[in-house]
Amino acid sequence: MSSTTAALQPLADAAAQPTTSSDTTVATASPTTQDGSGRQPTTAAAAAAELASTKIKLLGSLRSFPDFPIKGVQFIDILPLFQDPTTHLALLRALELQVLESGVKPDVVVGLDARGFLFGPSLALRLNASFVPVRKRGKMPGPCVSVAFEKEYGVDYFEMQEGAVKPGQKVLVVDDIIATGGSAAAAGDLVKQLGGSLVGYLFILEIPFLKGRDKLDGVSTTTLLETDG
């Protein structure tokens, strides 16, 4: 996704739970959750409380810029989440807990060019999963699978290296923001071309009025931080 920010309204209740696609069945979390780095299991209730508390801290770190890039647009900047080491660590922990809460642990985390690269590799390590990048056409060597997708100014192309995802592997696609959903859907198409099982999409923020979820074919889709808009 090309933007690190989103045209969103003021922040909503920070402790709100994430929304998932209504027509998708997600496995129920077990009474205990185990993080990918091998730490001791945490009860589901304690994990949920930790996640809610961490979301409040993360929401407080976001910056809001009214009337940017044009008048009437509320610009939410996610970059402060990465500028402070403690906040950065809290973001990774929240993303990890969000995945564990779903009850489906991925074998592969796929990050979109380029903001998905900011946290995708670190999240993959915490989940003991591999990381695979999706890049713009012509940026990666070797045989690649490719897909075209519509953007606001025309057609663009995403690619993934052949063999990066093995048939049957469970794949989670991550990016910073879901807007129109075109780039995320394209990444999902690449996963399917390689025979992977697309188990979910995970974003930090969402622009709800653009209805990007509608393009994701009912796959479980979660936004970490809830906002108005």
C-alpha atoms as a PDB file:
ATOM      1  CA  MET A   1       0.000   0.000   0.000  1.00  0.00           C
ATOM      2  CA  SER A   2       1.486   3.355  -0.964  1.00  0.00           C
ATOM      3  CA  SER A   3       0.277   5.469   1.980  1.00  0.00           C
ATOM      4  CA  THR A   4       1.311   5.235   5.625  1.00  0.00           C
ATOM      5  CA  THR A   5      -1.741   7.171   6.724  1.00  0.00           C
ATOM      6  CA  ALA A   6      -5.462   7.071   6.317  1.00  0.00           C
ATOM      7  CA  ALA A   7      -8.297   9.522   5.791  1.00  0.00           C
ATOM      8  CA  LEU A   8     -10.162   8.719   8.985  1.00  0.00           C
ATOM      9  CA  GLN A   9     -12.415  10.427  11.513  1.00  0.00           C
ATOM     10  CA  PRO A  10     -11.276  11.004  15.165  1.00  0.00           C
ATOM     11  CA  LEU A  11     -10.282   7.913  17.093  1.00  0.00           C
ATOM     12  CA  ALA A  12     -13.028   5.750  18.589  1.00  0.00           C
ATOM     13  CA  ASP A  13     -13.125   3.843  21.814  1.00  0.00           C
ATOM     14  CA  ALA A  14      -9.613   2.463  22.111  1.00  0.00           C
ATOM     15  CA  ALA A  15     -10.709  -0.729  23.796  1.00  0.00           C
ATOM     16  CA  ALA A  16     -13.112  -1.711  21.003  1.00  0.00           C
ATOM     17  CA  GLN A  17     -12.702  -5.230  19.735  1.00  0.00           C
ATOM     18  CA  PRO A  18     -11.634  -5.792  16.099  1.00  0.00           C
ATOM     19  CA  THR A  19     -14.255  -6.527  13.455  1.00  0.00           C
ATOM     20  CA  THR A  20     -14.070  -9.699  11.394  1.00  0.00           C
ATOM     21  CA  SER A  21     -15.896 -10.562   8.192  1.00  0.00           C
ATOM     22  CA  SER A  22     -19.361 -11.725   9.163  1.00  0.00           C
ATOM     23  CA  ASP A  23     -19.572 -14.633   6.744  1.00  0.00           C
ATOM     24  CA  THR A  24     -16.287 -16.224   7.780  1.00  0.00           C
ATOM     25  CA  THR A  25     -15.975 -18.826  10.531  1.00  0.00           C
ATOM     26  CA  VAL A  26     -12.867 -18.347  12.632  1.00  0.00           C
ATOM     27  CA  ALA A  27     -11.583 -21.051  14.946  1.00  0.00           C
ATOM     28  CA  THR A  28     -12.348 -20.367  18.586  1.00  0.00           C
ATOM     29  CA  ALA A  29      -9.306 -19.560  20.695  1.00  0.00           C
ATOM     30  CA  SER A  30      -8.315 -22.250  23.125  1.00  0.00           C
ATOM     31  CA  PRO A  31      -8.342 -21.588  26.892  1.00  0.00           C
ATOM     32  CA  THR A  32      -4.636 -20.855  26.663  1.00  0.00           C
ATOM     33  CA  THR A  33      -2.597 -19.178  23.933  1.00  0.00           C
ATOM     34  CA  GLN A  34       1.047 -19.824  23.186  1.00  0.00           C
ATOM     35  CA  ASP A  35       3.139 -17.168  21.493  1.00  0.00           C
ATOM     36  CA  GLY A  36       5.563 -18.014  18.701  1.00  0.00           C
ATOM     37  CA  SER A  37       8.695 -17.274  20.709  1.00  0.00           C
ATOM     38  CA  GLY A  38       8.008 -20.116  23.158  1.00  0.00           C
ATOM     39  CA  ARG A  39       7.013 -18.097  26.211  1.00  0.00           C
ATOM     40  CA  GLN A  40       4.676 -19.637  28.795  1.00  0.00           C
ATOM     41  CA  PRO A  41       1.000 -19.844  27.800  1.00  0.00           C
ATOM     42  CA  THR A  42      -1.313 -17.032  28.842  1.00  0.00           C
ATOM     43  CA  THR A  43      -4.956 -17.547  29.717  1.00  0.00           C
ATOM     44  CA  ALA A  44      -7.364 -16.299  27.075  1.00  0.00           C
ATOM     45  CA  ALA A  45      -8.834 -13.758  29.502  1.00  0.00           C
ATOM     46  CA  ALA A  46      -5.426 -12.377  30.431  1.00  0.00           C
ATOM     47  CA  ALA A  47      -4.406 -12.189  26.781  1.00  0.00           C
ATOM     48  CA  ALA A  48      -7.596 -10.301  25.917  1.00  0.00           C
ATOM     49  CA  ALA A  49      -6.991  -7.833  28.748  1.00  0.00           C
ATOM     50  CA  GLU A  50      -3.388  -7.322  27.655  1.00  0.00           C
ATOM     51  CA  LEU A  51      -4.489  -6.749  24.073  1.00  0.00           C
ATOM     52  CA  ALA A  52      -7.122  -4.180  25.049  1.00  0.00           C
ATOM     53  CA  SER A  53      -4.653  -2.309  27.270  1.00  0.00           C
ATOM     54  CA  THR A  54      -1.983  -2.306  24.575  1.00  0.00           C
ATOM     55  CA  LYS A  55      -4.418  -0.958  21.992  1.00  0.00           C
ATOM     56  CA  ILE A  56      -5.094   2.051  24.217  1.00  0.00           C
ATOM     57  CA  LYS A  57      -1.366   2.826  24.376  1.00  0.00           C
ATOM     58  CA  LEU A  58      -0.963   2.423  20.616  1.00  0.00           C
ATOM     59  CA  LEU A  59      -3.922   4.649  19.801  1.00  0.00           C
ATOM     60  CA  GLY A  60      -2.424   7.328  22.017  1.00  0.00           C
ATOM     61  CA  SER A  61       0.753   7.273  19.933  1.00  0.00           C
ATOM     62  CA  LEU A  62      -0.952   8.022  16.610  1.00  0.00           C
ATOM     63  CA  ARG A  63      -0.853  11.557  15.242  1.00  0.00           C
ATOM     64  CA  SER A  64      -3.800  13.266  13.589  1.00  0.00           C
ATOM     65  CA  PHE A  65      -3.469  15.994  10.942  1.00  0.00           C
ATOM     66  CA  PRO A  66      -6.692  17.776   9.946  1.00  0.00           C
ATOM     67  CA  ASP A  67      -7.192  19.030   6.374  1.00  0.00           C
ATOM     68  CA  PHE A  68      -4.315  17.007   4.915  1.00  0.00           C
ATOM     69  CA  PRO A  69      -3.687  16.339   2.076  1.00  0.00           C
ATOM     70  CA  ILE A  70      -6.861  18.269   1.250  1.00  0.00           C
ATOM     71  CA  LYS A  71      -9.415  20.202   3.290  1.00  0.00           C
ATOM     72  CA  GLY A  72     -11.904  17.989   5.102  1.00  0.00           C
ATOM     73  CA  VAL A  73      -9.592  14.978   5.343  1.00  0.00           C
ATOM     74  CA  GLN A  74      -8.429  13.721   8.737  1.00  0.00           C
ATOM     75  CA  PHE A  75      -4.908  12.329   8.269  1.00  0.00           C
ATOM     76  CA  ILE A  76      -3.803   9.607  10.720  1.00  0.00           C
ATOM     77  CA  ASP A  77      -0.052   8.999  10.868  1.00  0.00           C
ATOM     78  CA  ILE A  78       1.126   5.544  11.987  1.00  0.00           C
ATOM     79  CA  LEU A  79       4.866   6.253  11.844  1.00  0.00           C
ATOM     80  CA  PRO A  80       5.130   7.203  15.554  1.00  0.00           C
ATOM     81  CA  LEU A  81       4.383   3.545  16.318  1.00  0.00           C
ATOM     82  CA  PHE A  82       7.850   2.732  14.992  1.00  0.00           C
ATOM     83  CA  GLN A  83       9.806   5.720  16.294  1.00  0.00           C
ATOM     84  CA  ASP A  84       9.842   4.722  19.960  1.00  0.00           C
ATOM     85  CA  PRO A  85      11.293   1.261  20.771  1.00  0.00           C
ATOM     86  CA  THR A  86       8.809   0.611  23.587  1.00  0.00           C
ATOM     87  CA  THR A  87       5.842   1.510  21.386  1.00  0.00           C
ATOM     88  CA  HIS A  88       7.245  -0.527  18.520  1.00  0.00           C
ATOM     89  CA  LEU A  89       7.534  -3.563  20.797  1.00  0.00           C
ATOM     90  CA  ALA A  90       3.993  -2.990  22.062  1.00  0.00           C
ATOM     91  CA  LEU A  91       2.721  -2.927  18.468  1.00  0.00           C
ATOM     92  CA  LEU A  92       4.354  -6.265  17.698  1.00  0.00           C
ATOM     93  CA  ARG A  93       2.950  -7.810  20.880  1.00  0.00           C
ATOM     94  CA  ALA A  94      -0.552  -6.550  20.048  1.00  0.00           C
ATOM     95  CA  LEU A  95      -0.358  -7.952  16.524  1.00  0.00           C
ATOM     96  CA  GLU A  96       0.877 -11.274  17.923  1.00  0.00           C
ATOM     97  CA  LEU A  97      -1.983 -11.428  20.423  1.00  0.00           C
ATOM     98  CA  GLN A  98      -4.464 -10.530  17.696  1.00  0.00           C
ATOM     99  CA  VAL A  99      -3.307 -13.476  15.595  1.00  0.00           C
ATOM    100  CA  LEU A 100      -3.313 -15.881  18.530  1.00  0.00           C
ATOM    101  CA  GLU A 101      -6.825 -14.757  19.457  1.00  0.00           C
ATOM    102  CA  SER A 102      -8.057 -15.886  16.043  1.00  0.00           C
ATOM    103  CA  GLY A 103      -7.104 -19.461  16.878  1.00  0.00           C
ATOM    104  CA  VAL A 104      -5.374 -19.977  13.503  1.00  0.00           C
ATOM    105  CA  LYS A 105      -1.586 -19.820  13.528  1.00  0.00           C
ATOM    106  CA  PRO A 106      -0.106 -19.098  10.071  1.00  0.00           C
ATOM    107  CA  ASP A 107       2.853 -20.904   8.558  1.00  0.00           C
ATOM    108  CA  VAL A 108       3.664 -17.831   6.454  1.00  0.00           C
ATOM    109  CA  VAL A 109       3.212 -14.091   6.953  1.00  0.00           C
ATOM    110  CA  VAL A 110       2.978 -12.200   3.656  1.00  0.00           C
ATOM    111  CA  GLY A 111       3.725  -8.471   3.788  1.00  0.00           C
ATOM    112  CA  LEU A 112       2.689  -5.979   1.122  1.00  0.00           C
ATOM    113  CA  ASP A 113       5.076  -3.540  -0.536  1.00  0.00           C
ATOM    114  CA  ALA A 114       6.018  -1.470   1.234  1.00  0.00           C
ATOM    115  CA  ARG A 115       4.434  -0.740   4.622  1.00  0.00           C
ATOM    116  CA  GLY A 116       3.832  -4.406   5.321  1.00  0.00           C
ATOM    117  CA  PHE A 117       7.613  -4.727   5.429  1.00  0.00           C
ATOM    118  CA  LEU A 118       7.744  -2.477   8.518  1.00  0.00           C
ATOM    119  CA  PHE A 119       6.289  -5.097  10.848  1.00  0.00           C
ATOM    120  CA  GLY A 120       5.672  -8.259   8.822  1.00  0.00           C
ATOM    121  CA  PRO A 121       9.116  -9.862   9.324  1.00  0.00           C
ATOM    122  CA  SER A 122       9.139  -9.171  13.071  1.00  0.00           C
ATOM    123  CA  LEU A 123       5.610 -10.523  13.470  1.00  0.00           C
ATOM    124  CA  ALA A 124       6.573 -13.651  11.531  1.00  0.00           C
ATOM    125  CA  LEU A 125       9.471 -14.273  13.933  1.00  0.00           C
ATOM    126  CA  ARG A 126       7.178 -13.964  16.951  1.00  0.00           C
ATOM    127  CA  LEU A 127       4.801 -16.482  15.370  1.00  0.00           C
ATOM    128  CA  ASN A 128       7.602 -18.844  14.348  1.00  0.00           C
ATOM    129  CA  ALA A 129       6.472 -18.388  10.741  1.00  0.00           C
ATOM    130  CA  SER A 130       8.299 -17.525   7.543  1.00  0.00           C
ATOM    131  CA  PHE A 131       8.018 -14.078   5.957  1.00  0.00           C
ATOM    132  CA  VAL A 132       7.347 -13.597   2.259  1.00  0.00           C
ATOM    133  CA  PRO A 133       7.251 -10.181   0.566  1.00  0.00           C
ATOM    134  CA  VAL A 134       4.859  -9.100  -2.166  1.00  0.00           C
ATOM    135  CA  ARG A 135       6.575  -6.526  -4.367  1.00  0.00           C
ATOM    136  CA  LYS A 136       5.832  -4.320  -7.358  1.00  0.00           C
ATOM    137  CA  ARG A 137       6.577  -5.889 -10.722  1.00  0.00           C
ATOM    138  CA  GLY A 138      10.248  -6.053 -11.707  1.00  0.00           C
ATOM    139  CA  LYS A 139      11.658  -5.725  -8.177  1.00  0.00           C
ATOM    140  CA  MET A 140      12.482  -9.395  -7.480  1.00  0.00           C
ATOM    141  CA  PRO A 141      14.781 -11.816  -9.346  1.00  0.00           C
ATOM    142  CA  GLY A 142      13.953 -15.279 -10.565  1.00  0.00           C
ATOM    143  CA  PRO A 143      10.647 -16.811 -11.661  1.00  0.00           C
ATOM    144  CA  CYS A 144       7.666 -14.986 -10.167  1.00  0.00           C
ATOM    145  CA  VAL A 145       3.894 -15.196 -10.256  1.00  0.00           C
ATOM    146  CA  SER A 146       2.156 -11.933 -11.096  1.00  0.00           C
ATOM    147  CA  VAL A 147      -1.273 -10.334 -10.752  1.00  0.00           C
ATOM    148  CA  ALA A 148      -2.750  -7.027 -11.932  1.00  0.00           C
ATOM    149  CA  PHE A 149      -4.973  -4.869  -9.738  1.00  0.00           C
ATOM    150  CA  GLU A 150      -6.817  -1.575 -10.087  1.00  0.00           C
ATOM    151  CA  LYS A 151      -5.611   1.549  -8.306  1.00  0.00           C
ATOM    152  CA  GLU A 152      -7.153   4.985  -8.189  1.00  0.00           C
ATOM    153  CA  TYR A 153      -4.902   6.162 -11.017  1.00  0.00           C
ATOM    154  CA  GLY A 154      -4.737   2.998 -13.137  1.00  0.00           C
ATOM    155  CA  VAL A 155      -3.484  -0.585 -13.143  1.00  0.00           C
ATOM    156  CA  ASP A 156      -0.534  -1.842 -11.098  1.00  0.00           C
ATOM    157  CA  TYR A 157       1.108  -5.256 -10.697  1.00  0.00           C
ATOM    158  CA  PHE A 158       2.225  -7.329  -7.725  1.00  0.00           C
ATOM    159  CA  GLU A 159       4.625 -10.265  -7.816  1.00  0.00           C
ATOM    160  CA  MET A 160       5.758 -13.060  -5.515  1.00  0.00           C
ATOM    161  CA  GLN A 161       8.644 -15.451  -6.094  1.00  0.00           C
ATOM    162  CA  GLU A 162       7.693 -18.954  -7.154  1.00  0.00           C
ATOM    163  CA  GLY A 163       8.093 -21.445  -4.310  1.00  0.00           C
ATOM    164  CA  ALA A 164       8.005 -18.754  -1.602  1.00  0.00           C
ATOM    165  CA  VAL A 165       4.714 -20.232  -0.392  1.00  0.00           C
ATOM    166  CA  LYS A 166       4.366 -24.017  -0.447  1.00  0.00           C
ATOM    167  CA  PRO A 167       1.083 -25.741  -1.364  1.00  0.00           C
ATOM    168  CA  GLY A 168      -1.138 -26.158   1.675  1.00  0.00           C
ATOM    169  CA  GLN A 169       0.698 -23.674   3.905  1.00  0.00           C
ATOM    170  CA  LYS A 170      -1.541 -21.406   5.991  1.00  0.00           C
ATOM    171  CA  VAL A 171      -0.919 -17.771   5.007  1.00  0.00           C
ATOM    172  CA  LEU A 172      -1.709 -14.479   6.757  1.00  0.00           C
ATOM    173  CA  VAL A 173      -1.504 -11.297   4.650  1.00  0.00           C
ATOM    174  CA  VAL A 174      -0.556  -8.092   6.520  1.00  0.00           C
ATOM    175  CA  ASP A 175      -0.407  -4.415   5.645  1.00  0.00           C
ATOM    176  CA  ASP A 176      -0.611  -1.105   7.479  1.00  0.00           C
ATOM    177  CA  ILE A 177      -3.992   0.110   6.185  1.00  0.00           C
ATOM    178  CA  ILE A 178      -6.885  -1.343   4.245  1.00  0.00           C
ATOM    179  CA  ALA A 179      -8.431   1.268   1.961  1.00  0.00           C
ATOM    180  CA  THR A 180     -10.050   0.131  -1.298  1.00  0.00           C
ATOM    181  CA  GLY A 181      -8.796  -3.427  -0.754  1.00  0.00           C
ATOM    182  CA  GLY A 182      -7.352  -3.860  -4.241  1.00  0.00           C
ATOM    183  CA  SER A 183      -3.736  -4.444  -3.224  1.00  0.00           C
ATOM    184  CA  ALA A 184      -4.683  -6.834  -0.413  1.00  0.00           C
ATOM    185  CA  ALA A 185      -6.932  -8.832  -2.732  1.00  0.00           C
ATOM    186  CA  ALA A 186      -4.088  -9.029  -5.265  1.00  0.00           C
ATOM    187  CA  ALA A 187      -1.761 -10.437  -2.605  1.00  0.00           C
ATOM    188  CA  GLY A 188      -4.387 -13.021  -1.750  1.00  0.00           C
ATOM    189  CA  ASP A 189      -4.577 -14.007  -5.424  1.00  0.00           C
ATOM    190  CA  LEU A 190      -0.807 -14.571  -5.478  1.00  0.00           C
ATOM    191  CA  VAL A 191      -1.036 -16.798  -2.403  1.00  0.00           C
ATOM    192  CA  LYS A 192      -3.709 -18.891  -4.115  1.00  0.00           C
ATOM    193  CA  GLN A 193      -1.658 -19.115  -7.331  1.00  0.00           C
ATOM    194  CA  LEU A 194       1.121 -20.728  -5.313  1.00  0.00           C
ATOM    195  CA  GLY A 195      -1.262 -23.173  -3.643  1.00  0.00           C
ATOM    196  CA  GLY A 196      -1.288 -21.546  -0.210  1.00  0.00           C
ATOM    197  CA  SER A 197      -4.299 -21.530   2.093  1.00  0.00           C
ATOM    198  CA  LEU A 198      -5.280 -17.914   2.773  1.00  0.00           C
ATOM    199  CA  VAL A 199      -6.417 -17.881   6.416  1.00  0.00           C
ATOM    200  CA  GLY A 200      -6.714 -14.145   7.016  1.00  0.00           C
ATOM    201  CA  TYR A 201      -5.836 -10.515   6.512  1.00  0.00           C
ATOM    202  CA  LEU A 202      -4.507  -8.290   9.305  1.00  0.00           C
ATOM    203  CA  PHE A 203      -4.209  -4.486   9.161  1.00  0.00           C
ATOM    204  CA  ILE A 204      -3.253  -1.814  11.681  1.00  0.00           C
ATOM    205  CA  LEU A 205      -5.920   0.663  10.524  1.00  0.00           C
ATOM    206  CA  GLU A 206      -8.884   0.768   8.140  1.00  0.00           C
ATOM    207  CA  ILE A 207     -10.757   3.361   6.084  1.00  0.00           C
ATOM    208  CA  PRO A 208     -14.255   1.876   6.506  1.00  0.00           C
ATOM    209  CA  PHE A 209     -16.180   4.037   4.039  1.00  0.00           C
ATOM    210  CA  LEU A 210     -14.052   2.723   1.158  1.00  0.00           C
ATOM    211  CA  LYS A 211     -15.413  -0.790   1.845  1.00  0.00           C
ATOM    212  CA  GLY A 212     -12.154  -2.579   1.077  1.00  0.00           C
ATOM    213  CA  ARG A 213     -13.350  -5.713   2.871  1.00  0.00           C
ATOM    214  CA  ASP A 214     -15.859  -6.286   0.101  1.00  0.00           C
ATOM    215  CA  LYS A 215     -12.997  -7.263  -2.225  1.00  0.00           C
ATOM    216  CA  LEU A 216     -11.527  -9.901   0.091  1.00  0.00           C
ATOM    217  CA  ASP A 217     -13.952 -12.735  -0.723  1.00  0.00           C
ATOM    218  CA  GLY A 218     -15.163 -13.235   2.837  1.00  0.00           C
ATOM    219  CA  VAL A 219     -11.711 -14.154   4.175  1.00  0.00           C
ATOM    220  CA  SER A 220     -11.328 -13.358   7.876  1.00  0.00           C
ATOM    221  CA  THR A 221     -10.214  -9.706   8.012  1.00  0.00           C
ATOM    222  CA  THR A 222      -9.090  -7.956  11.202  1.00  0.00           C
ATOM    223  CA  THR A 223      -8.154  -4.368  11.973  1.00  0.00           C
ATOM    224  CA  LEU A 224      -5.973  -3.978  15.064  1.00  0.00           C
ATOM    225  CA  LEU A 225      -6.904  -0.399  16.004  1.00  0.00           C
ATOM    226  CA  GLU A 226     -10.524   0.694  15.702  1.00  0.00           C
ATOM    227  CA  THR A 227     -11.379   4.244  14.630  1.00  0.00           C
ATOM    228  CA  ASP A 228     -14.433   6.269  13.692  1.00  0.00           C
ATOM    229  CA  GLY A 229     -15.103   6.832  10.023  1.00  0.00           C
END
